[in-house]
């Protein structure tokens, strides 16, 4: 984070793939439509609006995240969020200087 409402666009992103099938749809939540678009498409739109650079890393467990001194944002593929929630979380997390969790 550089200032309130400004996101470090170099922040590394990791998407935790859940692959949990939602019944009765018989499809993973990340692939289900919300307002005619999948959750994954909504997530990418948020990061495009925030001008994040680079593609996220897809991981199937937290152990796959390599050690790094650069900030890393980890989120599940089945979580719906918007730009405002991401900005608020990143601002508050940055202010603490410690790892932070919004939901998991």
N, C-alpha and C. Protein backbone atom coordinates (compact mmCIF):
# COMPACT_ATOMS: atom_id res chain seq x y z
N UNK A 1 0.84 -1.17 0.00
CA UNK A 1 0.00 0.00 0.00
C UNK A 1 0.89 1.23 0.00
N UNK A 2 0.50 2.21 -0.74
CA UNK A 2 1.27 3.44 -0.77
C UNK A 2 0.55 4.57 -0.06
N UNK A 3 -0.74 4.69 -0.20
CA UNK A 3 -1.54 5.66 0.53
C UNK A 3 -2.98 5.16 0.56
N UNK A 4 -3.79 5.78 1.37
CA UNK A 4 -5.17 5.32 1.52
C UNK A 4 -5.86 5.25 0.16
N UNK A 5 -6.39 4.06 -0.16
CA UNK A 5 -7.10 3.89 -1.42
C UNK A 5 -6.20 3.58 -2.60
N UNK A 6 -4.88 3.55 -2.39
CA UNK A 6 -3.95 3.22 -3.46
C UNK A 6 -3.30 1.89 -3.14
N UNK A 7 -3.43 0.97 -4.05
CA UNK A 7 -2.95 -0.39 -3.83
C UNK A 7 -1.60 -0.58 -4.50
N UNK A 8 -0.71 -1.31 -3.83
CA UNK A 8 0.57 -1.68 -4.43
C UNK A 8 0.27 -2.69 -5.54
N UNK A 9 0.35 -2.26 -6.77
CA UNK A 9 -0.04 -3.10 -7.91
C UNK A 9 0.92 -4.25 -8.16
N UNK A 10 2.04 -4.25 -7.46
CA UNK A 10 2.99 -5.35 -7.61
C UNK A 10 2.71 -6.48 -6.63
N UNK A 11 1.72 -6.29 -5.76
CA UNK A 11 1.41 -7.29 -4.74
C UNK A 11 1.14 -8.64 -5.40
N UNK A 12 1.74 -9.64 -4.85
CA UNK A 12 1.55 -11.00 -5.35
C UNK A 12 0.18 -11.50 -4.91
N UNK A 13 -0.52 -12.18 -5.82
CA UNK A 13 -1.83 -12.74 -5.50
C UNK A 13 -1.81 -14.25 -5.68
N UNK A 14 -2.41 -14.94 -4.73
CA UNK A 14 -2.54 -16.39 -4.80
C UNK A 14 -4.01 -16.74 -4.62
N UNK A 15 -4.54 -17.52 -5.55
CA UNK A 15 -5.93 -17.97 -5.45
C UNK A 15 -5.93 -19.41 -4.98
N UNK A 16 -6.56 -19.63 -3.84
CA UNK A 16 -6.69 -20.98 -3.30
C UNK A 16 -7.90 -21.64 -3.96
N UNK A 17 -7.63 -22.62 -4.79
CA UNK A 17 -8.71 -23.32 -5.51
C UNK A 17 -9.40 -24.30 -4.56
N UNK A 18 -10.70 -24.11 -4.36
CA UNK A 18 -11.42 -24.96 -3.43
C UNK A 18 -11.98 -26.22 -4.08
N UNK A 19 -12.47 -26.09 -5.29
CA UNK A 19 -13.03 -27.21 -6.05
C UNK A 19 -14.20 -27.91 -5.36
N UNK A 20 -14.75 -27.28 -4.33
CA UNK A 20 -15.89 -27.87 -3.63
C UNK A 20 -17.13 -27.76 -4.50
N UNK A 21 -17.78 -28.89 -4.76
CA UNK A 21 -18.97 -28.93 -5.60
C UNK A 21 -20.18 -28.49 -4.78
N UNK A 22 -20.97 -27.61 -5.36
CA UNK A 22 -22.19 -27.10 -4.71
C UNK A 22 -23.38 -27.88 -5.26
N UNK A 23 -24.11 -28.50 -4.36
CA UNK A 23 -25.30 -29.26 -4.77
C UNK A 23 -26.50 -28.34 -4.66
N UNK A 24 -27.46 -28.34 -5.49
CA UNK A 24 -27.74 -29.29 -6.57
C UNK A 24 -27.15 -28.90 -7.92
N UNK A 25 -26.27 -27.89 -7.94
CA UNK A 25 -25.75 -27.39 -9.22
C UNK A 25 -24.67 -28.29 -9.81
N UNK A 26 -24.05 -29.11 -8.96
CA UNK A 26 -23.00 -30.05 -9.39
C UNK A 26 -21.85 -29.33 -10.09
N UNK A 27 -21.48 -28.19 -9.53
CA UNK A 27 -20.40 -27.39 -10.08
C UNK A 27 -19.67 -26.70 -8.92
N UNK A 28 -18.36 -26.46 -9.07
CA UNK A 28 -17.65 -25.71 -8.02
C UNK A 28 -18.21 -24.29 -7.91
N UNK A 29 -18.21 -23.74 -6.71
CA UNK A 29 -18.76 -22.40 -6.48
C UNK A 29 -18.10 -21.36 -7.38
N UNK A 30 -16.81 -21.49 -7.62
CA UNK A 30 -16.09 -20.52 -8.45
C UNK A 30 -16.63 -20.45 -9.87
N UNK A 31 -17.29 -21.50 -10.31
CA UNK A 31 -17.81 -21.55 -11.68
C UNK A 31 -19.30 -21.20 -11.77
N UNK A 32 -19.93 -20.99 -10.62
CA UNK A 32 -21.36 -20.66 -10.63
C UNK A 32 -21.57 -19.19 -10.96
N UNK A 33 -22.61 -18.87 -11.71
CA UNK A 33 -22.85 -17.46 -12.07
C UNK A 33 -23.45 -16.65 -10.93
N UNK A 34 -22.95 -15.44 -10.78
CA UNK A 34 -23.51 -14.44 -9.88
C UNK A 34 -23.69 -13.20 -10.75
N UNK A 35 -24.91 -12.77 -10.92
CA UNK A 35 -25.21 -11.66 -11.83
C UNK A 35 -24.67 -11.94 -13.23
N UNK A 36 -24.87 -13.17 -13.69
CA UNK A 36 -24.52 -13.64 -15.04
C UNK A 36 -23.03 -13.76 -15.31
N UNK A 37 -22.20 -13.74 -14.27
CA UNK A 37 -20.76 -13.93 -14.44
C UNK A 37 -20.27 -14.82 -13.31
N UNK A 38 -19.21 -15.57 -13.56
CA UNK A 38 -18.70 -16.43 -12.50
C UNK A 38 -18.00 -15.60 -11.42
N UNK A 39 -17.86 -16.20 -10.25
CA UNK A 39 -17.18 -15.52 -9.15
C UNK A 39 -15.74 -15.18 -9.55
N UNK A 40 -15.08 -16.10 -10.24
CA UNK A 40 -13.71 -15.87 -10.69
C UNK A 40 -13.64 -14.65 -11.62
N UNK A 41 -14.60 -14.50 -12.50
CA UNK A 41 -14.63 -13.33 -13.40
C UNK A 41 -14.83 -12.04 -12.59
N UNK A 42 -15.70 -12.08 -11.59
CA UNK A 42 -15.89 -10.91 -10.72
C UNK A 42 -14.60 -10.56 -10.00
N UNK A 43 -13.91 -11.57 -9.48
CA UNK A 43 -12.65 -11.32 -8.78
C UNK A 43 -11.63 -10.64 -9.69
N UNK A 44 -11.47 -11.16 -10.89
CA UNK A 44 -10.50 -10.57 -11.82
C UNK A 44 -10.88 -9.15 -12.20
N UNK A 45 -12.17 -8.88 -12.33
CA UNK A 45 -12.62 -7.51 -12.61
C UNK A 45 -12.21 -6.55 -11.50
N UNK A 46 -12.34 -7.00 -10.25
CA UNK A 46 -11.95 -6.16 -9.12
C UNK A 46 -10.47 -5.80 -9.22
N UNK A 47 -9.63 -6.79 -9.48
CA UNK A 47 -8.19 -6.52 -9.54
C UNK A 47 -7.80 -5.75 -10.79
N UNK A 48 -8.57 -5.87 -11.85
CA UNK A 48 -8.34 -5.05 -13.04
C UNK A 48 -8.67 -3.59 -12.72
N UNK A 49 -9.79 -3.36 -12.02
CA UNK A 49 -10.17 -2.00 -11.62
C UNK A 49 -9.11 -1.39 -10.70
N UNK A 50 -8.50 -2.23 -9.87
CA UNK A 50 -7.47 -1.75 -8.95
C UNK A 50 -6.10 -1.67 -9.63
N UNK A 51 -6.06 -2.04 -10.90
CA UNK A 51 -4.85 -1.97 -11.73
C UNK A 51 -3.71 -2.84 -11.20
N UNK A 52 -4.07 -4.02 -10.69
CA UNK A 52 -3.05 -4.99 -10.29
C UNK A 52 -2.34 -5.48 -11.54
N UNK A 53 -1.04 -5.70 -11.41
CA UNK A 53 -0.26 -6.19 -12.54
C UNK A 53 -0.01 -7.68 -12.35
N UNK A 54 0.04 -8.38 -13.45
CA UNK A 54 0.34 -9.81 -13.40
C UNK A 54 -0.88 -10.66 -13.08
N UNK A 55 -0.72 -11.92 -13.35
CA UNK A 55 -1.78 -12.89 -13.10
C UNK A 55 -1.58 -13.52 -11.73
N UNK A 56 -2.65 -13.97 -11.10
CA UNK A 56 -2.51 -14.63 -9.81
C UNK A 56 -1.95 -16.04 -9.97
N UNK A 57 -1.34 -16.54 -8.91
CA UNK A 57 -0.88 -17.92 -8.86
C UNK A 57 -2.03 -18.78 -8.36
N UNK A 58 -2.29 -19.89 -9.01
CA UNK A 58 -3.32 -20.82 -8.56
C UNK A 58 -2.66 -21.85 -7.66
N UNK A 59 -3.21 -22.03 -6.46
CA UNK A 59 -2.67 -22.99 -5.51
C UNK A 59 -3.80 -23.86 -4.99
N UNK A 60 -3.45 -25.07 -4.55
CA UNK A 60 -4.47 -25.95 -3.98
C UNK A 60 -4.31 -26.10 -2.47
N UNK A 61 -3.21 -25.56 -1.91
CA UNK A 61 -3.03 -25.55 -0.46
C UNK A 61 -2.13 -24.38 -0.08
N UNK A 62 -2.24 -23.93 1.15
CA UNK A 62 -1.44 -22.80 1.62
C UNK A 62 0.05 -23.13 1.66
N UNK A 63 0.38 -24.41 1.77
CA UNK A 63 1.78 -24.83 1.80
C UNK A 63 2.49 -24.54 0.48
N UNK A 64 1.76 -24.31 -0.58
CA UNK A 64 2.35 -24.03 -1.89
C UNK A 64 2.87 -22.60 -2.02
N UNK A 65 2.56 -21.75 -1.07
CA UNK A 65 3.00 -20.36 -1.14
C UNK A 65 4.46 -20.28 -0.72
N UNK A 66 5.29 -19.79 -1.62
CA UNK A 66 6.71 -19.68 -1.32
C UNK A 66 6.97 -18.46 -0.43
N UNK A 67 8.00 -18.56 0.37
CA UNK A 67 8.38 -17.45 1.25
C UNK A 67 8.78 -16.25 0.41
N UNK A 68 8.39 -15.08 0.88
CA UNK A 68 8.71 -13.86 0.16
C UNK A 68 8.61 -12.69 1.12
N UNK A 69 9.40 -11.66 0.86
CA UNK A 69 9.30 -10.45 1.67
C UNK A 69 8.28 -9.49 1.08
N UNK A 70 7.82 -9.76 -0.13
CA UNK A 70 6.83 -8.88 -0.76
C UNK A 70 5.43 -9.22 -0.25
N UNK A 71 4.55 -8.22 -0.18
CA UNK A 71 3.18 -8.47 0.27
C UNK A 71 2.49 -9.49 -0.63
N UNK A 72 1.71 -10.35 -0.01
CA UNK A 72 0.99 -11.38 -0.74
C UNK A 72 -0.46 -11.40 -0.28
N UNK A 73 -1.36 -11.40 -1.24
CA UNK A 73 -2.78 -11.49 -0.95
C UNK A 73 -3.25 -12.88 -1.36
N UNK A 74 -3.82 -13.62 -0.42
CA UNK A 74 -4.32 -14.96 -0.68
C UNK A 74 -5.83 -14.92 -0.51
N UNK A 75 -6.54 -15.45 -1.50
CA UNK A 75 -7.99 -15.50 -1.41
C UNK A 75 -8.50 -16.75 -2.09
N UNK A 76 -9.66 -17.21 -1.61
CA UNK A 76 -10.26 -18.42 -2.17
C UNK A 76 -11.00 -18.10 -3.45
N UNK A 77 -11.10 -19.08 -4.32
CA UNK A 77 -11.78 -18.88 -5.60
C UNK A 77 -13.30 -18.84 -5.47
N UNK A 78 -13.83 -19.14 -4.29
CA UNK A 78 -15.29 -19.18 -4.12
C UNK A 78 -15.81 -18.02 -3.26
N UNK A 79 -14.99 -16.98 -3.08
CA UNK A 79 -15.39 -15.82 -2.27
C UNK A 79 -15.75 -14.66 -3.20
N UNK A 80 -16.96 -14.15 -3.04
CA UNK A 80 -17.38 -12.98 -3.81
C UNK A 80 -17.00 -11.73 -3.03
N UNK A 81 -16.30 -10.81 -3.67
CA UNK A 81 -15.96 -9.54 -3.04
C UNK A 81 -15.98 -8.44 -4.08
N UNK A 82 -15.99 -7.20 -3.59
CA UNK A 82 -15.97 -6.06 -4.51
C UNK A 82 -14.75 -5.19 -4.23
N UNK A 83 -14.57 -4.19 -5.04
CA UNK A 83 -13.40 -3.30 -4.95
C UNK A 83 -13.31 -2.63 -3.59
N UNK A 84 -14.43 -2.16 -3.07
CA UNK A 84 -14.44 -1.45 -1.80
C UNK A 84 -13.99 -2.34 -0.64
N UNK A 85 -14.44 -3.58 -0.64
CA UNK A 85 -14.03 -4.50 0.43
C UNK A 85 -12.53 -4.76 0.36
N UNK A 86 -12.02 -4.99 -0.84
CA UNK A 86 -10.58 -5.25 -1.00
C UNK A 86 -9.77 -4.04 -0.55
N UNK A 87 -10.16 -2.84 -0.97
CA UNK A 87 -9.42 -1.63 -0.56
C UNK A 87 -9.44 -1.45 0.95
N UNK A 88 -10.60 -1.61 1.56
CA UNK A 88 -10.72 -1.45 3.01
C UNK A 88 -9.85 -2.47 3.74
N UNK A 89 -9.91 -3.71 3.29
CA UNK A 89 -9.09 -4.76 3.92
C UNK A 89 -7.60 -4.45 3.78
N UNK A 90 -7.16 -4.12 2.57
CA UNK A 90 -5.74 -3.85 2.35
C UNK A 90 -5.26 -2.64 3.15
N UNK A 91 -6.08 -1.62 3.25
CA UNK A 91 -5.71 -0.45 4.05
C UNK A 91 -5.56 -0.80 5.53
N UNK A 92 -6.52 -1.53 6.06
CA UNK A 92 -6.46 -1.91 7.48
C UNK A 92 -5.32 -2.88 7.76
N UNK A 93 -5.15 -3.85 6.87
CA UNK A 93 -4.07 -4.83 7.05
C UNK A 93 -2.71 -4.15 6.98
N UNK A 94 -2.56 -3.24 6.06
CA UNK A 94 -1.30 -2.51 5.90
C UNK A 94 -0.99 -1.68 7.15
N UNK A 95 -2.01 -1.11 7.76
CA UNK A 95 -1.82 -0.27 8.94
C UNK A 95 -1.30 -1.07 10.13
N UNK A 96 -1.63 -2.36 10.21
CA UNK A 96 -1.17 -3.17 11.34
C UNK A 96 0.27 -3.62 11.17
N UNK A 97 0.72 -3.76 9.93
CA UNK A 97 2.07 -4.23 9.68
C UNK A 97 2.25 -5.72 9.96
N UNK A 98 1.14 -6.42 10.15
CA UNK A 98 1.16 -7.85 10.45
C UNK A 98 0.27 -8.59 9.46
N UNK A 99 0.45 -9.90 9.35
CA UNK A 99 -0.48 -10.67 8.51
C UNK A 99 -1.91 -10.47 9.01
N UNK A 100 -2.85 -10.42 8.08
CA UNK A 100 -4.24 -10.18 8.44
C UNK A 100 -5.16 -11.12 7.68
N UNK A 101 -6.33 -11.35 8.24
CA UNK A 101 -7.30 -12.24 7.62
C UNK A 101 -8.66 -11.55 7.62
N UNK A 102 -9.32 -11.59 6.47
CA UNK A 102 -10.67 -11.03 6.37
C UNK A 102 -11.69 -12.14 6.59
N UNK A 103 -11.56 -13.21 5.84
CA UNK A 103 -12.48 -14.35 5.95
C UNK A 103 -11.78 -15.58 5.43
N UNK A 104 -12.09 -16.71 6.00
CA UNK A 104 -11.52 -17.96 5.49
C UNK A 104 -12.32 -19.12 5.96
